[in-house]
Protein backbone atom coordinates (compact mmCIF):
# COMPACT_ATOMS: atom_id res chain seq x y z
CA MET A 1 -2.31 -62.59 -22.00
CA LYS A 2 0.66 -61.12 -23.82
CA GLU A 3 -1.25 -57.97 -24.74
CA ILE A 4 -2.39 -57.37 -21.16
CA LEU A 5 1.15 -57.71 -19.85
CA GLU A 6 2.45 -55.36 -22.55
CA THR A 7 -0.13 -52.77 -21.56
CA ILE A 8 0.92 -52.96 -17.90
CA ILE A 9 4.63 -52.73 -18.71
CA LEU A 10 4.22 -49.88 -21.22
CA ASN A 11 2.49 -47.79 -18.56
CA LEU A 12 5.44 -48.23 -16.20
CA VAL A 13 8.43 -47.46 -18.43
CA GLU A 14 9.79 -44.33 -20.09
CA ASN A 15 11.43 -46.00 -23.12
CA LYS A 16 8.33 -47.58 -24.64
CA ASN A 17 10.06 -48.52 -27.90
CA GLU A 18 12.50 -50.85 -26.08
CA VAL A 19 9.80 -53.03 -24.51
CA SER A 20 9.39 -56.54 -25.86
CA VAL A 21 7.28 -59.38 -24.53
CA THR A 22 7.69 -62.87 -25.95
CA SER A 23 5.38 -65.76 -25.25
CA LYS A 24 5.98 -69.50 -25.14
CA GLU A 25 2.91 -71.69 -24.69
CA ASP A 26 2.08 -75.36 -24.35
CA GLU A 27 -1.14 -77.03 -23.21
CA GLN A 28 -1.10 -75.97 -19.56
CA ASN A 29 1.78 -73.50 -19.22
CA ILE A 30 2.48 -70.01 -20.50
CA THR A 31 5.90 -68.40 -20.17
CA LEU A 32 6.19 -64.68 -20.82
CA GLU A 33 9.62 -63.05 -21.12
CA VAL A 34 9.83 -59.30 -20.62
CA LYS A 35 12.72 -57.18 -21.88
CA VAL A 36 12.93 -53.47 -21.11
CA ALA A 37 15.66 -50.86 -21.29
CA GLU A 38 18.23 -51.17 -18.53
CA SER A 39 17.26 -47.76 -17.16
CA ASP A 40 13.63 -48.91 -16.82
CA MET A 41 14.32 -52.24 -15.13
CA GLY A 42 14.07 -50.68 -11.67
CA ARG A 43 10.65 -49.25 -12.48
CA VAL A 44 9.35 -52.63 -13.58
CA ILE A 45 10.76 -54.58 -10.64
CA GLY A 46 10.18 -51.94 -7.95
CA LYS A 47 11.55 -51.72 -4.45
CA GLN A 48 12.22 -55.20 -3.10
CA GLY A 49 10.42 -56.65 -6.13
CA ARG A 50 6.99 -55.40 -5.10
CA ILE A 51 5.85 -54.25 -8.55
CA ALA A 52 7.10 -57.45 -10.21
CA LYS A 53 5.27 -59.50 -7.59
CA ALA A 54 2.06 -57.52 -8.16
CA ILE A 55 2.34 -58.02 -11.93
CA ARG A 56 2.81 -61.77 -11.43
CA THR A 57 -0.21 -61.91 -9.09
CA VAL A 58 -2.48 -60.17 -11.58
CA MET A 59 -1.31 -62.34 -14.46
CA LYS A 60 -1.70 -65.55 -12.43
CA SER A 61 -5.30 -64.67 -11.63
CA LEU A 62 -5.99 -64.06 -15.33
CA ALA A 63 -4.35 -67.35 -16.28
CA ALA A 64 -6.38 -69.21 -13.67
CA ARG A 65 -9.55 -68.20 -15.51
CA GLU A 66 -8.27 -70.19 -18.50
CA HIS A 67 -7.07 -73.08 -16.31
CA LYS A 68 -3.42 -72.44 -17.16
CA ARG A 69 -0.25 -71.73 -15.24
CA ILE A 70 1.83 -68.70 -16.06
CA SER A 71 5.37 -67.64 -15.30
CA ILE A 72 6.84 -64.23 -16.02
CA GLU A 73 10.58 -63.67 -16.43
CA PHE A 74 12.18 -60.25 -16.47
CA LEU A 75 15.30 -60.40 -18.66
CA ASP A 76 18.27 -58.03 -18.68
């Protein structure tokens, strides 16, 4: 899961070396925290949060295959 999210994020940002994705897992839940450069935050979130919502939708469908719940947090 983490690798897929990293691939998506890396294709959106300009400062690829400042991207970090951390994962916290338990039996049923996965929490992924995404940190990007401040200048790239707008690219990741998109207008009115559309890109962030699309990323969350894709990741939720992937997590559903494994019968898990996922939440994605974009950190400053």
